[in-house]
Structure formats: C-alpha cells, structure tokens
C-alpha cells in the first residue's frame, strides 16, 4: 500500500520550514509548559448577616471563612451595602495548588430587616405616628435618621398619609449623593372609650 509521510500531511518536512510538523509539536509543548506554571488558587464563597444600621453606615468584621481554627480575616463592609451585595477580599481565598497566589474571598451580604425603616434603593421610608393634637396644631418631633436624631417640624393640619421628604438623609454610598428619607404621617385615633372622649370626638366630627 501507499506510505503516508506525517510531515507531508501536516504541511512540511519540519526541517526549518514554517508551518511544519515540528513547529506544530513545539507550539503544543510550549502551551503545556505555560499551563503547568503557577496558577491562582480558587475563590472561597461565604455569607455574612449584618444589622440594618451597620449596612447603612459600613462595618468592620472579623471572620473565619475557613473554619474557627483558621486565622481571622478582617473585612470592611462598605457603607450602603444592601441585601445580596457581594464584597471581594483579594488574597483571602484558597491556596494555589502549585505555588501561585491565593484566591479571593467573596462575601454575600444579608441584612436583617429594621423594625421601623424600609429601604427602596438609596431612599429610606419611615412611618411616624401623630396624635390628633399634633396633626391639627403642628408639632416639633424627634425623628431617627442614619446619622442620628433630627427634629422634624410637622405642619399644622397634617393629614394621615401625608409625606415629608428629608433630603440627603437616606442611604449614602461612596462616590454618589445620599438618598432621601421619606416620613409618612399616621394620625392615631384615640382608643379611650370613656364618655368624655367620645363626646369630644363627636363634637370634633361636627366641624
């Protein structure tokens, strides 16, 4: 039968000719050598749960992502972190199998709900109860914010369901303006069942 020359099959005799079998084999060996070089270790995935206010203000945590027996890792959670945010900490992942750099630690953030604040993007919402007198006459009432309590001036004749916006009192993130705080007024009806209170309510209803 006919003899097939492998070098002819690959386009040349390989004796210095470009594109020959020798060149192809050499390229394959070079790729294998590069692949055997140091590689970065795999990333470690972990989760952490933080308080609502800590997520808004930022927090520094000490974690043991590879178990309590491992060395602790200090992690900085940036201000404004939200539920499901991911933070990457370089060099705190698993070791390389052949002497390369360690992988990264990738944290998924979970945030516990707040009993009063509700978050929508970078804005916060707060329900503020008012007595009938406060709503009718107006009042100055302390209101909590991310940066501490502020005094809010409630306008006279405020209706239940009314909203007042406090600019810049929402969630702040690095590199962009802070969101706003929306205060929702809830006028509380007296629950006292005494005849005197009932008479006053009836009198008020006439007006």
Foldseek 3Di string as FASTA:
>chain_A
DDDDDVQVVQPHPLPPDPRTPVVVVVVVVVVVVVVPDWDEADEAEEEDEDEPLCQQCKDWDWDDSPDPVDHTDIDTRFHNDAQQDKDKAAQPGDGTPPPHTYGIYIYTYHYDDDPAWDDDRLEIEGEDEDEPVCQACWDWDWDAFSVGIDTDTRDHNHDQQDKDKAQQRTGDGPPDGGGIYIYGYHYDDDPDPDPVSVVVVVVVVVD
